[in-house]
Structures are given as C-alpha cells and as structure tokens.
PDB file of N, CA and C in Angstrom:
ATOM      1  N   MET A   1      -0.523 -77.109 -41.091  1.00  0.00           N
ATOM      2  CA  MET A   1      -1.653 -77.259 -40.217  1.00  0.00           C
ATOM      3  C   MET A   1      -2.149 -75.605 -40.477  1.00  0.00           C
ATOM      4  N   THR A   2      -3.266 -75.230 -41.346  1.00  0.00           N
ATOM      5  CA  THR A   2      -4.632 -74.484 -40.871  1.00  0.00           C
ATOM      6  C   THR A   2      -5.209 -74.334 -39.625  1.00  0.00           C
ATOM      7  N   PRO A   3      -5.248 -72.910 -39.406  1.00  0.00           N
ATOM      8  CA  PRO A   3      -6.306 -72.766 -38.429  1.00  0.00           C
ATOM      9  C   PRO A   3      -7.723 -72.868 -39.006  1.00  0.00           C
ATOM     10  N   LEU A   4      -8.419 -73.805 -39.079  1.00  0.00           N
ATOM     11  CA  LEU A   4     -10.046 -74.099 -39.572  1.00  0.00           C
ATOM     12  C   LEU A   4     -10.326 -72.759 -38.510  1.00  0.00           C
ATOM     13  N   PRO A   5     -11.205 -72.577 -39.957  1.00  0.00           N
ATOM     14  CA  PRO A   5     -12.731 -71.092 -39.046  1.00  0.00           C
ATOM     15  C   PRO A   5     -13.340 -72.481 -38.186  1.00  0.00           C
ATOM     16  N   ARG A   6     -13.519 -72.554 -37.509  1.00  0.00           N
ATOM     17  CA  ARG A   6     -14.366 -73.591 -36.490  1.00  0.00           C
ATOM     18  C   ARG A   6     -15.713 -72.991 -36.131  1.00  0.00           C
ATOM     19  N   PRO A   7     -17.016 -72.956 -35.582  1.00  0.00           N
ATOM     20  CA  PRO A   7     -18.364 -71.894 -35.920  1.00  0.00           C
ATOM     21  C   PRO A   7     -17.784 -71.496 -33.981  1.00  0.00           C
ATOM     22  N   ARG A   8     -18.081 -70.837 -33.838  1.00  0.00           N
ATOM     23  CA  ARG A   8     -17.908 -69.849 -32.313  1.00  0.00           C
ATOM     24  C   ARG A   8     -19.181 -70.815 -31.438  1.00  0.00           C
ATOM     25  N   ARG A   9     -18.508 -71.718 -30.483  1.00  0.00           N
ATOM     26  CA  ARG A   9     -19.325 -72.615 -29.742  1.00  0.00           C
ATOM     27  C   ARG A   9     -19.383 -71.474 -28.630  1.00  0.00           C
ATOM     28  N   ARG A  10     -19.021 -70.590 -27.739  1.00  0.00           N
ATOM     29  CA  ARG A  10     -19.399 -69.721 -27.136  1.00  0.00           C
ATOM     30  C   ARG A  10     -21.504 -69.775 -26.701  1.00  0.00           C
ATOM     31  N   PRO A  11     -21.763 -70.248 -25.404  1.00  0.00           N
ATOM     32  CA  PRO A  11     -23.233 -70.023 -25.424  1.00  0.00           C
ATOM     33  C   PRO A  11     -23.453 -68.648 -25.552  1.00  0.00           C
ATOM     34  N   ALA A  12     -25.211 -68.907 -26.397  1.00  0.00           N
ATOM     35  CA  ALA A  12     -25.607 -67.456 -26.332  1.00  0.00           C
ATOM     36  C   ALA A  12     -25.656 -66.448 -24.726  1.00  0.00           C
ATOM     37  N   PRO A  13     -25.227 -65.301 -24.019  1.00  0.00           N
ATOM     38  CA  PRO A  13     -25.582 -64.594 -23.171  1.00  0.00           C
ATOM     39  C   PRO A  13     -26.841 -64.648 -22.004  1.00  0.00           C
ATOM     40  N   HIS A  14     -27.798 -64.837 -23.426  1.00  0.00           N
ATOM     41  CA  HIS A  14     -29.471 -64.672 -22.544  1.00  0.00           C
ATOM     42  C   HIS A  14     -29.970 -66.372 -22.568  1.00  0.00           C
ATOM     43  N   ARG A  15     -28.814 -67.605 -22.928  1.00  0.00           N
ATOM     44  CA  ARG A  15     -28.965 -68.881 -22.786  1.00  0.00           C
ATOM     45  C   ARG A  15     -28.595 -69.180 -21.335  1.00  0.00           C
ATOM     46  N   PRO A  16     -28.900 -70.213 -21.308  1.00  0.00           N
ATOM     47  CA  PRO A  16     -28.581 -71.216 -19.599  1.00  0.00           C
ATOM     48  C   PRO A  16     -27.327 -71.426 -19.704  1.00  0.00           C
ATOM     49  N   THR A  17     -26.362 -71.302 -20.033  1.00  0.00           N
ATOM     50  CA  THR A  17     -24.822 -72.815 -19.694  1.00  0.00           C
ATOM     51  C   THR A  17     -25.291 -73.626 -19.279  1.00  0.00           C
ATOM     52  N   VAL A  18     -25.056 -73.218 -18.082  1.00  0.00           N
ATOM     53  CA  VAL A  18     -24.946 -74.771 -16.286  1.00  0.00           C
ATOM     54  C   VAL A  18     -27.118 -74.372 -16.296  1.00  0.00           C
ATOM     55  N   ALA A  19     -27.134 -75.743 -15.676  1.00  0.00           N
ATOM     56  CA  ALA A  19     -28.940 -75.296 -14.985  1.00  0.00           C
ATOM     57  C   ALA A  19     -28.794 -73.971 -14.292  1.00  0.00           C
ATOM     58  N   GLY A  20     -29.405 -73.607 -15.024  1.00  0.00           N
ATOM     59  CA  GLY A  20     -30.011 -72.576 -13.973  1.00  0.00           C
ATOM     60  C   GLY A  20     -28.643 -71.869 -13.706  1.00  0.00           C
ATOM     61  N   THR A  21     -27.858 -70.909 -14.904  1.00  0.00           N
ATOM     62  CA  THR A  21     -27.012 -70.151 -14.752  1.00  0.00           C
ATOM     63  C   THR A  21     -26.455 -69.566 -16.187  1.00  0.00           C
ATOM     64  N   GLY A  22     -28.073 -68.508 -15.911  1.00  0.00           N
ATOM     65  CA  GLY A  22     -28.425 -67.756 -17.558  1.00  0.00           C
ATOM     66  C   GLY A  22     -28.443 -66.518 -16.757  1.00  0.00           C
ATOM     67  N   PRO A  23     -28.687 -65.587 -16.318  1.00  0.00           N
ATOM     68  CA  PRO A  23     -28.775 -64.555 -16.187  1.00  0.00           C
ATOM     69  C   PRO A  23     -28.231 -64.222 -15.349  1.00  0.00           C
ATOM     70  N   THR A  24     -27.662 -64.912 -14.122  1.00  0.00           N
ATOM     71  CA  THR A  24     -26.716 -64.549 -13.417  1.00  0.00           C
ATOM     72  C   THR A  24     -25.365 -65.233 -13.724  1.00  0.00           C
ATOM     73  N   ARG A  25     -25.040 -65.677 -15.128  1.00  0.00           N
ATOM     74  CA  ARG A  25     -24.115 -65.576 -15.768  1.00  0.00           C
ATOM     75  C   ARG A  25     -22.988 -64.175 -15.717  1.00  0.00           C
ATOM     76  N   ARG A  26     -24.393 -63.090 -16.081  1.00  0.00           N
ATOM     77  CA  ARG A  26     -24.043 -62.259 -16.850  1.00  0.00           C
ATOM     78  C   ARG A  26     -22.902 -61.336 -15.259  1.00  0.00           C
ATOM     79  N   ARG A  27     -23.415 -61.957 -14.219  1.00  0.00           N
ATOM     80  CA  ARG A  27     -22.825 -60.722 -12.663  1.00  0.00           C
ATOM     81  C   ARG A  27     -21.676 -61.498 -12.603  1.00  0.00           C
ATOM     82  N   PRO A  28     -20.933 -60.920 -11.825  1.00  0.00           N
ATOM     83  CA  PRO A  28     -19.342 -61.620 -11.278  1.00  0.00           C
ATOM     84  C   PRO A  28     -19.556 -62.328 -10.268  1.00  0.00           C
ATOM     85  N   LEU A  29     -20.259 -63.062 -11.434  1.00  0.00           N
ATOM     86  CA  LEU A  29     -19.964 -64.952  -9.974  1.00  0.00           C
ATOM     87  C   LEU A  29     -19.242 -65.352 -10.691  1.00  0.00           C
ATOM     88  N   PRO A  30     -18.097 -66.048 -10.871  1.00  0.00           N
ATOM     89  CA  PRO A  30     -17.307 -66.886 -11.194  1.00  0.00           C
ATOM     90  C   PRO A  30     -17.686 -68.337 -10.890  1.00  0.00           C
ATOM     91  N   SER A  31     -18.376 -69.138  -9.493  1.00  0.00           N
ATOM     92  CA  SER A  31     -19.246 -70.043  -9.467  1.00  0.00           C
ATOM     93  C   SER A  31     -20.253 -70.040  -9.866  1.00  0.00           C
ATOM     94  N   PRO A  32     -20.788 -70.711  -9.718  1.00  0.00           N
ATOM     95  CA  PRO A  32     -21.855 -70.987 -10.061  1.00  0.00           C
ATOM     96  C   PRO A  32     -22.887 -71.392  -9.373  1.00  0.00           C
ATOM     97  N   LEU A  33     -22.381 -71.794  -7.800  1.00  0.00           N
ATOM     98  CA  LEU A  33     -22.447 -71.838  -6.374  1.00  0.00           C
ATOM     99  C   LEU A  33     -23.761 -70.839  -5.933  1.00  0.00           C
ATOM    100  N   PRO A  34     -22.975 -69.795  -5.647  1.00  0.00           N
ATOM    101  CA  PRO A  34     -23.496 -68.664  -4.813  1.00  0.00           C
ATOM    102  C   PRO A  34     -24.902 -68.038  -5.649  1.00  0.00           C
ATOM    103  N   ASP A  35     -24.865 -68.398  -6.927  1.00  0.00           N
ATOM    104  CA  ASP A  35     -26.004 -67.452  -7.505  1.00  0.00           C
ATOM    105  C   ASP A  35     -27.267 -68.695  -7.474  1.00  0.00           C
ATOM    106  N   SER A  36     -26.571 -69.507  -6.965  1.00  0.00           N
ATOM    107  CA  SER A  36     -28.130 -70.326  -6.650  1.00  0.00           C
ATOM    108  C   SER A  36     -28.788 -70.557  -5.665  1.00  0.00           C
ATOM    109  N   GLN A  37     -27.943 -69.694  -4.645  1.00  0.00           N
ATOM    110  CA  GLN A  37     -28.304 -69.329  -2.877  1.00  0.00           C
ATOM    111  C   GLN A  37     -29.212 -68.724  -2.544  1.00  0.00           C
ATOM    112  N   PRO A  38     -28.829 -66.563  -3.331  1.00  0.00           N
ATOM    113  CA  PRO A  38     -29.185 -65.878  -3.261  1.00  0.00           C
ATOM    114  C   PRO A  38     -30.214 -65.343  -4.078  1.00  0.00           C
ATOM    115  N   THR A  39     -30.219 -65.911  -5.147  1.00  0.00           N
ATOM    116  CA  THR A  39     -30.987 -65.774  -5.831  1.00  0.00           C
ATOM    117  C   THR A  39     -31.869 -67.195  -6.717  1.00  0.00           C
ATOM    118  N   GLY A  40     -33.605 -66.745  -6.295  1.00  0.00           N
ATOM    119  CA  GLY A  40     -34.141 -68.108  -6.587  1.00  0.00           C
ATOM    120  C   GLY A  40     -35.150 -67.610  -7.274  1.00  0.00           C
ATOM    121  N   ARG A  41     -33.603 -67.864  -8.652  1.00  0.00           N
ATOM    122  CA  ARG A  41     -34.536 -67.702  -9.756  1.00  0.00           C
ATOM    123  C   ARG A  41     -34.521 -68.404 -10.122  1.00  0.00           C
ATOM    124  N   ASN A  42     -33.590 -69.378 -10.570  1.00  0.00           N
ATOM    125  CA  ASN A  42     -34.129 -71.213 -11.452  1.00  0.00           C
ATOM    126  C   ASN A  42     -34.412 -72.026 -10.936  1.00  0.00           C
ATOM    127  N   LEU A  43     -35.770 -72.261  -9.130  1.00  0.00           N
ATOM    128  CA  LEU A  43     -36.129 -72.886  -8.699  1.00  0.00           C
ATOM    129  C   LEU A  43     -36.772 -72.381 -10.260  1.00  0.00           C
TER     130      LEU A  43
END
C-alpha cells in the first residue's frame, strides 16, 4: 500500500468552511458557536 498523493482537501483560509465560520475560523475559537454570538458577521 503506497501513500497516494491525494489532493489537499483542507479548505482555504478565506473560504467559509462551516455556515458562517470563515473570518472567525482564524481566531482562537475551537467552537463555531461562540463566533456566531459575539460577531454578527455571518448574519
């Protein structure tokens, strides 16, 4: 079994991975919940 060079699947830093967790993902917020309350950007 050889480790095939699978394409990088990690989402771009500027692209929202979850529904409205784009610019907030860069911050030290492990949970996508606290970023929705303090910042009403995704609204």
